[in-house]
């Protein structure tokens, strides 16, 4: 599928390193409305998360970055063809060398999941899924430095690597304020959506989301969560 049609925008994903998937749909649906002014999308890909976020927050200004030139071109096209083209900017940047004087009150990312050494022969698709463990410390250090004191940082992470990611995040002053456990099916938790803040929360909010029911169809809670985005009835 070259185009992925949402209710209020479409995503051209021809040649993208990663197509629109359930992870992006979940994270984009869970990032809430807020009084955000400036946001940063790390590793924007096709721009889908930025578009979902601006749909909920039409006054926000979002800077989207990606290291992959083809992804940047696609995101730029998708932004220009949307209702919110004036709110969205995409730049070809390696986040680890990204420099800006701007401070963001919202940062979000569907990051490369797997902590491995890719070597020099990694493909675009592998690079979009894998993050060298050497850079995890830098990832959170830079994210924390760009986040405002009252800002929020949203990530979707693999369940099995959750402790490793969040241990590094805490070492850079990022505290967990909410956790959403994502179950592909009732007994299989494979993702966790995490909201970080710099301020220590009184209590961590915890909840869960089951994507598919026992018959293999989408659960009612998933349908409700994503109803303002899906272009078709599930």
C-alpha atoms as a PDB file:
ATOM      1  CA  UNK A   1       0.000   0.000   0.000  1.00  0.00           C
ATOM      2  CA  UNK A   2       1.641   3.235  -1.177  1.00  0.00           C
ATOM      3  CA  UNK A   3      -0.838   5.546   0.518  1.00  0.00           C
ATOM      4  CA  UNK A   4      -2.219   5.048   4.009  1.00  0.00           C
ATOM      5  CA  UNK A   5      -5.428   7.037   4.310  1.00  0.00           C
ATOM      6  CA  UNK A   6      -6.393   8.483   7.684  1.00  0.00           C
ATOM      7  CA  UNK A   7      -9.649  10.248   8.434  1.00  0.00           C
ATOM      8  CA  UNK A   8      -8.218  13.753   7.929  1.00  0.00           C
ATOM      9  CA  UNK A   9      -4.947  13.234   6.057  1.00  0.00           C
ATOM     10  CA  UNK A  10      -3.081  10.705   3.922  1.00  0.00           C
ATOM     11  CA  UNK A  11       0.441   9.344   4.163  1.00  0.00           C
ATOM     12  CA  UNK A  12       2.520   8.652   1.080  1.00  0.00           C
ATOM     13  CA  UNK A  13       4.885   5.927   2.249  1.00  0.00           C
ATOM     14  CA  UNK A  14       6.421   4.833  -1.048  1.00  0.00           C
ATOM     15  CA  UNK A  15      10.093   4.181  -0.408  1.00  0.00           C
ATOM     16  CA  UNK A  16       9.859   4.852   3.339  1.00  0.00           C
ATOM     17  CA  UNK A  17      12.287   2.933   5.538  1.00  0.00           C
ATOM     18  CA  UNK A  18       9.297   1.931   7.688  1.00  0.00           C
ATOM     19  CA  UNK A  19       5.628   1.913   6.725  1.00  0.00           C
ATOM     20  CA  UNK A  20       2.797   3.121   8.958  1.00  0.00           C
ATOM     21  CA  UNK A  21       2.227   0.477  11.630  1.00  0.00           C
ATOM     22  CA  UNK A  22       0.330  -0.271  14.805  1.00  0.00           C
ATOM     23  CA  UNK A  23       3.051   1.204  17.037  1.00  0.00           C
ATOM     24  CA  UNK A  24       2.716   4.629  15.437  1.00  0.00           C
ATOM     25  CA  UNK A  25      -1.082   4.409  15.503  1.00  0.00           C
ATOM     26  CA  UNK A  26      -1.043   3.630  19.226  1.00  0.00           C
ATOM     27  CA  UNK A  27       1.510   6.258  20.250  1.00  0.00           C
ATOM     28  CA  UNK A  28      -0.084   8.961  18.116  1.00  0.00           C
ATOM     29  CA  UNK A  29      -3.497   8.179  19.578  1.00  0.00           C
ATOM     30  CA  UNK A  30      -2.219   8.207  23.168  1.00  0.00           C
ATOM     31  CA  UNK A  31      -0.371  11.535  23.031  1.00  0.00           C
ATOM     32  CA  UNK A  32      -3.051  13.774  24.528  1.00  0.00           C
ATOM     33  CA  UNK A  33      -4.333  17.232  23.770  1.00  0.00           C
ATOM     34  CA  UNK A  34      -2.467  19.881  25.713  1.00  0.00           C
ATOM     35  CA  UNK A  35      -1.363  23.492  25.837  1.00  0.00           C
ATOM     36  CA  UNK A  36       1.761  22.707  23.849  1.00  0.00           C
ATOM     37  CA  UNK A  37       3.580  25.425  21.925  1.00  0.00           C
ATOM     38  CA  UNK A  38       6.630  23.697  20.431  1.00  0.00           C
ATOM     39  CA  UNK A  39       7.128  19.970  19.814  1.00  0.00           C
ATOM     40  CA  UNK A  40       9.967  17.814  18.535  1.00  0.00           C
ATOM     41  CA  UNK A  41       9.415  14.572  16.607  1.00  0.00           C
ATOM     42  CA  UNK A  42      12.598  12.463  16.717  1.00  0.00           C
ATOM     43  CA  UNK A  43      12.897  10.116  13.728  1.00  0.00           C
ATOM     44  CA  UNK A  44       9.738  11.259  11.978  1.00  0.00           C
ATOM     45  CA  UNK A  45       9.790   8.731   9.119  1.00  0.00           C
ATOM     46  CA  UNK A  46       6.750   9.499   6.975  1.00  0.00           C
ATOM     47  CA  UNK A  47       5.639  12.191   9.435  1.00  0.00           C
ATOM     48  CA  UNK A  48       2.682  10.182  10.693  1.00  0.00           C
ATOM     49  CA  UNK A  49       3.185  10.922  14.416  1.00  0.00           C
ATOM     50  CA  UNK A  50       3.601  14.640  13.796  1.00  0.00           C
ATOM     51  CA  UNK A  51       0.377  14.704  11.778  1.00  0.00           C
ATOM     52  CA  UNK A  52      -1.573  12.768  14.398  1.00  0.00           C
ATOM     53  CA  UNK A  53      -0.284  15.107  17.101  1.00  0.00           C
ATOM     54  CA  UNK A  54      -1.077  18.311  15.232  1.00  0.00           C
ATOM     55  CA  UNK A  55      -4.577  17.010  14.441  1.00  0.00           C
ATOM     56  CA  UNK A  56      -5.241  16.944  18.197  1.00  0.00           C
ATOM     57  CA  UNK A  57      -3.300  20.157  18.848  1.00  0.00           C
ATOM     58  CA  UNK A  58      -3.895  22.460  15.852  1.00  0.00           C
ATOM     59  CA  UNK A  59      -2.077  25.432  17.431  1.00  0.00           C
ATOM     60  CA  UNK A  60       1.173  23.549  18.019  1.00  0.00           C
ATOM     61  CA  UNK A  61       4.382  24.065  16.046  1.00  0.00           C
ATOM     62  CA  UNK A  62       6.230  20.799  15.353  1.00  0.00           C
ATOM     63  CA  UNK A  63       9.831  20.326  14.240  1.00  0.00           C
ATOM     64  CA  UNK A  64      10.313  16.847  12.774  1.00  0.00           C
ATOM     65  CA  UNK A  65      13.771  15.412  12.129  1.00  0.00           C
ATOM     66  CA  UNK A  66      15.040  12.283  10.416  1.00  0.00           C
ATOM     67  CA  UNK A  67      18.463  11.087   9.313  1.00  0.00           C
ATOM     68  CA  UNK A  68      17.115   9.457   6.125  1.00  0.00           C
ATOM     69  CA  UNK A  69      16.811  11.756   3.072  1.00  0.00           C
ATOM     70  CA  UNK A  70      14.004   9.718   1.477  1.00  0.00           C
ATOM     71  CA  UNK A  71      11.984   9.831   4.701  1.00  0.00           C
ATOM     72  CA  UNK A  72      12.480  13.594   4.946  1.00  0.00           C
ATOM     73  CA  UNK A  73      11.214  14.030   1.389  1.00  0.00           C
ATOM     74  CA  UNK A  74       8.120  11.933   2.119  1.00  0.00           C
ATOM     75  CA  UNK A  75       7.390  13.715   5.388  1.00  0.00           C
ATOM     76  CA  UNK A  76       7.738  17.075   3.670  1.00  0.00           C
ATOM     77  CA  UNK A  77       5.247  15.999   0.984  1.00  0.00           C
ATOM     78  CA  UNK A  78       2.811  14.635   3.566  1.00  0.00           C
ATOM     79  CA  UNK A  79       3.048  17.808   5.648  1.00  0.00           C
ATOM     80  CA  UNK A  80       2.473  20.084   2.641  1.00  0.00           C
ATOM     81  CA  UNK A  81      -0.595  18.098   1.606  1.00  0.00           C
ATOM     82  CA  UNK A  82      -2.175  18.309   5.064  1.00  0.00           C
ATOM     83  CA  UNK A  83      -4.457  20.865   6.692  1.00  0.00           C
ATOM     84  CA  UNK A  84      -1.661  21.852   9.063  1.00  0.00           C
ATOM     85  CA  UNK A  85       1.213  22.501   6.667  1.00  0.00           C
ATOM     86  CA  UNK A  86       2.052  25.837   8.349  1.00  0.00           C
ATOM     87  CA  UNK A  87       2.521  24.091  11.719  1.00  0.00           C
ATOM     88  CA  UNK A  88       4.991  21.474  10.502  1.00  0.00           C
ATOM     89  CA  UNK A  89       8.673  21.648   9.579  1.00  0.00           C
ATOM     90  CA  UNK A  90      10.894  18.706   8.663  1.00  0.00           C
ATOM     91  CA  UNK A  91      14.696  18.706   8.656  1.00  0.00           C
ATOM     92  CA  UNK A  92      17.305  16.150   7.613  1.00  0.00           C
ATOM     93  CA  UNK A  93      19.217  15.758  10.867  1.00  0.00           C
ATOM     94  CA  UNK A  94      21.038  13.115  12.828  1.00  0.00           C
ATOM     95  CA  UNK A  95      19.513  13.574  16.275  1.00  0.00           C
ATOM     96  CA  UNK A  96      22.810  12.853  17.986  1.00  0.00           C
ATOM     97  CA  UNK A  97      24.343  15.900  16.282  1.00  0.00           C
ATOM     98  CA  UNK A  98      21.180  18.015  16.187  1.00  0.00           C
ATOM     99  CA  UNK A  99      21.696  21.506  17.580  1.00  0.00           C
ATOM    100  CA  UNK A 100      18.996  24.004  18.432  1.00  0.00           C
ATOM    101  CA  UNK A 101      18.429  26.812  20.895  1.00  0.00           C
ATOM    102  CA  UNK A 102      14.747  25.903  21.059  1.00  0.00           C
ATOM    103  CA  UNK A 103      13.233  24.263  24.124  1.00  0.00           C
ATOM    104  CA  UNK A 104      10.254  21.955  23.567  1.00  0.00           C
ATOM    105  CA  UNK A 105       7.270  21.349  25.841  1.00  0.00           C
ATOM    106  CA  UNK A 106       6.467  18.109  23.978  1.00  0.00           C
ATOM    107  CA  UNK A 107       8.922  15.566  22.568  1.00  0.00           C
ATOM    108  CA  UNK A 108       7.842  12.246  21.079  1.00  0.00           C
ATOM    109  CA  UNK A 109       9.440   9.374  19.235  1.00  0.00           C
ATOM    110  CA  UNK A 110       8.815   5.898  17.914  1.00  0.00           C
ATOM    111  CA  UNK A 111      12.516   5.106  18.257  1.00  0.00           C
ATOM    112  CA  UNK A 112      14.659   2.304  16.868  1.00  0.00           C
ATOM    113  CA  UNK A 113      13.874  -0.518  19.291  1.00  0.00           C
ATOM    114  CA  UNK A 114      16.680  -2.981  19.336  1.00  0.00           C
ATOM    115  CA  UNK A 115      19.947  -2.255  21.117  1.00  0.00           C
ATOM    116  CA  UNK A 116      22.526  -3.844  18.856  1.00  0.00           C
ATOM    117  CA  UNK A 117      25.717  -3.071  17.003  1.00  0.00           C
ATOM    118  CA  UNK A 118      24.654  -2.685  13.395  1.00  0.00           C
ATOM    119  CA  UNK A 119      28.103  -2.531  11.849  1.00  0.00           C
ATOM    120  CA  UNK A 120      28.754  -0.753   8.557  1.00  0.00           C
ATOM    121  CA  UNK A 121      26.463  -2.783   6.286  1.00  0.00           C
ATOM    122  CA  UNK A 122      23.095  -2.049   7.859  1.00  0.00           C
ATOM    123  CA  UNK A 123      20.168  -1.439   5.516  1.00  0.00           C
ATOM    124  CA  UNK A 124      17.741   1.488   5.812  1.00  0.00           C
ATOM    125  CA  UNK A 125      15.079  -0.804   7.275  1.00  0.00           C
ATOM    126  CA  UNK A 126      17.459  -2.281   9.839  1.00  0.00           C
ATOM    127  CA  UNK A 127      18.670   1.181  10.810  1.00  0.00           C
ATOM    128  CA  UNK A 128      15.104   2.303  11.389  1.00  0.00           C
ATOM    129  CA  UNK A 129      14.594  -0.596  13.835  1.00  0.00           C
ATOM    130  CA  UNK A 130      17.953  -0.737  15.578  1.00  0.00           C
ATOM    131  CA  UNK A 131      19.800   1.692  17.818  1.00  0.00           C
ATOM    132  CA  UNK A 132      23.382   1.142  18.880  1.00  0.00           C
ATOM    133  CA  UNK A 133      23.560   0.715  22.653  1.00  0.00           C
ATOM    134  CA  UNK A 134      26.474   3.173  22.618  1.00  0.00           C
ATOM    135  CA  UNK A 135      24.030   5.947  21.747  1.00  0.00           C
ATOM    136  CA  UNK A 136      21.251   5.259  24.248  1.00  0.00           C
ATOM    137  CA  UNK A 137      22.889   7.490  26.846  1.00  0.00           C
ATOM    138  CA  UNK A 138      23.218  10.302  24.299  1.00  0.00           C
ATOM    139  CA  UNK A 139      19.600   9.843  23.199  1.00  0.00           C
ATOM    140  CA  UNK A 140      18.253  10.595  26.661  1.00  0.00           C
ATOM    141  CA  UNK A 141      20.862  13.208  27.517  1.00  0.00           C
ATOM    142  CA  UNK A 142      19.966  15.276  24.447  1.00  0.00           C
ATOM    143  CA  UNK A 143      16.227  14.717  24.854  1.00  0.00           C
ATOM    144  CA  UNK A 144      16.338  15.888  28.465  1.00  0.00           C
ATOM    145  CA  UNK A 145      18.379  18.961  27.534  1.00  0.00           C
ATOM    146  CA  UNK A 146      15.765  20.022  24.961  1.00  0.00           C
ATOM    147  CA  UNK A 147      12.718  19.371  27.162  1.00  0.00           C
ATOM    148  CA  UNK A 148      11.232  22.273  29.105  1.00  0.00           C
ATOM    149  CA  UNK A 149      10.933  21.973  32.879  1.00  0.00           C
ATOM    150  CA  UNK A 150       7.202  21.275  32.618  1.00  0.00           C
ATOM    151  CA  UNK A 151       7.383  19.437  29.308  1.00  0.00           C
ATOM    152  CA  UNK A 152       6.495  15.824  28.529  1.00  0.00           C
ATOM    153  CA  UNK A 153       8.372  13.180  26.556  1.00  0.00           C
ATOM    154  CA  UNK A 154       6.432  10.265  25.015  1.00  0.00           C
ATOM    155  CA  UNK A 155       8.001   7.023  23.773  1.00  0.00           C
ATOM    156  CA  UNK A 156       6.831   3.575  22.749  1.00  0.00           C
ATOM    157  CA  UNK A 157       9.290   0.899  23.855  1.00  0.00           C
ATOM    158  CA  UNK A 158       9.685  -2.876  23.617  1.00  0.00           C
ATOM    159  CA  UNK A 159       8.526  -4.639  26.756  1.00  0.00           C
ATOM    160  CA  UNK A 160      11.673  -6.754  27.046  1.00  0.00           C
ATOM    161  CA  UNK A 161      14.032  -3.751  26.968  1.00  0.00           C
ATOM    162  CA  UNK A 162      11.903  -1.444  29.111  1.00  0.00           C
ATOM    163  CA  UNK A 163      14.118  -1.596  32.221  1.00  0.00           C
ATOM    164  CA  UNK A 164      17.273  -0.795  30.268  1.00  0.00           C
ATOM    165  CA  UNK A 165      15.749   2.201  28.494  1.00  0.00           C
ATOM    166  CA  UNK A 166      14.133   3.684  31.583  1.00  0.00           C
ATOM    167  CA  UNK A 167      17.223   3.196  33.753  1.00  0.00           C
ATOM    168  CA  UNK A 168      19.181   5.421  31.378  1.00  0.00           C
ATOM    169  CA  UNK A 169      16.303   7.907  31.162  1.00  0.00           C
ATOM    170  CA  UNK A 170      16.229   8.265  34.949  1.00  0.00           C
ATOM    171  CA  UNK A 171      19.985   8.867  35.007  1.00  0.00           C
ATOM    172  CA  UNK A 172      19.307  12.023  32.984  1.00  0.00           C
ATOM    173  CA  UNK A 173      16.557  13.324  35.248  1.00  0.00           C
ATOM    174  CA  UNK A 174      13.558  11.975  33.351  1.00  0.00           C
ATOM    175  CA  UNK A 175      10.885  10.526  35.626  1.00  0.00           C
ATOM    176  CA  UNK A 176       8.103   8.180  34.566  1.00  0.00           C
ATOM    177  CA  UNK A 177       4.678   9.712  35.124  1.00  0.00           C
ATOM    178  CA  UNK A 178       2.516   7.295  33.139  1.00  0.00           C
ATOM    179  CA  UNK A 179       2.781   3.792  31.688  1.00  0.00           C
ATOM    180  CA  UNK A 180       0.441   2.096  29.229  1.00  0.00           C
ATOM    181  CA  UNK A 181       1.056  -1.630  28.752  1.00  0.00           C
ATOM    182  CA  UNK A 182       0.236  -2.676  25.183  1.00  0.00           C
ATOM    183  CA  UNK A 183      -0.983  -6.219  24.618  1.00  0.00           C
ATOM    184  CA  UNK A 184      -1.156  -7.629  21.094  1.00  0.00           C
ATOM    185  CA  UNK A 185      -3.498 -10.208  22.604  1.00  0.00           C
ATOM    186  CA  UNK A 186      -4.694 -10.592  26.176  1.00  0.00           C
ATOM    187  CA  UNK A 187      -1.704 -12.603  27.407  1.00  0.00           C
ATOM    188  CA  UNK A 188       1.050 -11.007  25.324  1.00  0.00           C
ATOM    189  CA  UNK A 189       2.452  -7.625  26.432  1.00  0.00           C
ATOM    190  CA  UNK A 190       5.017  -6.592  23.814  1.00  0.00           C
ATOM    191  CA  UNK A 191       5.127  -2.791  24.043  1.00  0.00           C
ATOM    192  CA  UNK A 192       4.982  -0.107  26.722  1.00  0.00           C
ATOM    193  CA  UNK A 193       4.098   3.519  26.054  1.00  0.00           C
ATOM    194  CA  UNK A 194       5.910   5.770  28.519  1.00  0.00           C
ATOM    195  CA  UNK A 195       5.379   9.408  29.440  1.00  0.00           C
ATOM    196  CA  UNK A 196       8.363  11.106  31.076  1.00  0.00           C
ATOM    197  CA  UNK A 197       8.628  14.419  32.901  1.00  0.00           C
ATOM    198  CA  UNK A 198      11.416  16.199  34.710  1.00  0.00           C
ATOM    199  CA  UNK A 199       9.224  16.771  37.756  1.00  0.00           C
ATOM    200  CA  UNK A 200       8.682  13.829  40.106  1.00  0.00           C
ATOM    201  CA  UNK A 201       5.022  12.733  39.877  1.00  0.00           C
ATOM    202  CA  UNK A 202       2.978  12.084  43.004  1.00  0.00           C
ATOM    203  CA  UNK A 203       1.972   8.751  41.543  1.00  0.00           C
ATOM    204  CA  UNK A 204       2.754   6.890  38.317  1.00  0.00           C
ATOM    205  CA  UNK A 205      -0.418   6.354  36.308  1.00  0.00           C
ATOM    206  CA  UNK A 206      -0.650   2.812  34.943  1.00  0.00           C
ATOM    207  CA  UNK A 207      -3.121   1.359  32.464  1.00  0.00           C
ATOM    208  CA  UNK A 208      -3.265  -1.228  29.699  1.00  0.00           C
ATOM    209  CA  UNK A 209      -4.529  -1.583  26.145  1.00  0.00           C
ATOM    210  CA  UNK A 210      -5.390  -4.830  24.355  1.00  0.00           C
ATOM    211  CA  UNK A 211      -5.217  -4.464  20.569  1.00  0.00           C
ATOM    212  CA  UNK A 212      -6.978  -7.643  19.467  1.00  0.00           C
ATOM    213  CA  UNK A 213      -9.751  -9.683  21.018  1.00  0.00           C
ATOM    214  CA  UNK A 214      -9.922 -13.474  21.359  1.00  0.00           C
ATOM    215  CA  UNK A 215     -11.315 -13.816  17.835  1.00  0.00           C
ATOM    216  CA  UNK A 216      -8.400 -11.887  16.342  1.00  0.00           C
ATOM    217  CA  UNK A 217     -10.375  -8.737  15.544  1.00  0.00           C
ATOM    218  CA  UNK A 218      -9.616  -5.298  16.898  1.00  0.00           C
ATOM    219  CA  UNK A 219     -10.772  -4.792  20.468  1.00  0.00           C
ATOM    220  CA  UNK A 220     -13.404  -2.202  21.280  1.00  0.00           C
ATOM    221  CA  UNK A 221     -10.919  -0.198  23.358  1.00  0.00           C
ATOM    222  CA  UNK A 222      -8.520  -0.029  20.400  1.00  0.00           C
ATOM    223  CA  UNK A 223     -11.331   1.051  18.077  1.00  0.00           C
ATOM    224  CA  UNK A 224     -12.360   3.811  20.500  1.00  0.00           C
ATOM    225  CA  UNK A 225      -8.767   4.984  20.982  1.00  0.00           C
ATOM    226  CA  UNK A 226      -8.056   5.292  17.249  1.00  0.00           C
ATOM    227  CA  UNK A 227     -11.478   6.271  15.903  1.00  0.00           C
ATOM    228  CA  UNK A 228     -10.473   9.880  15.128  1.00  0.00           C
ATOM    229  CA  UNK A 229      -7.613   8.675  12.940  1.00  0.00           C
ATOM    230  CA  UNK A 230      -8.545   5.535  11.024  1.00  0.00           C
ATOM    231  CA  UNK A 231      -9.956   6.334   7.615  1.00  0.00           C
ATOM    232  CA  UNK A 232     -12.055   3.169   7.573  1.00  0.00           C
ATOM    233  CA  UNK A 233     -14.243   1.400  10.095  1.00  0.00           C
ATOM    234  CA  UNK A 234     -12.326  -1.363  11.846  1.00  0.00           C
END
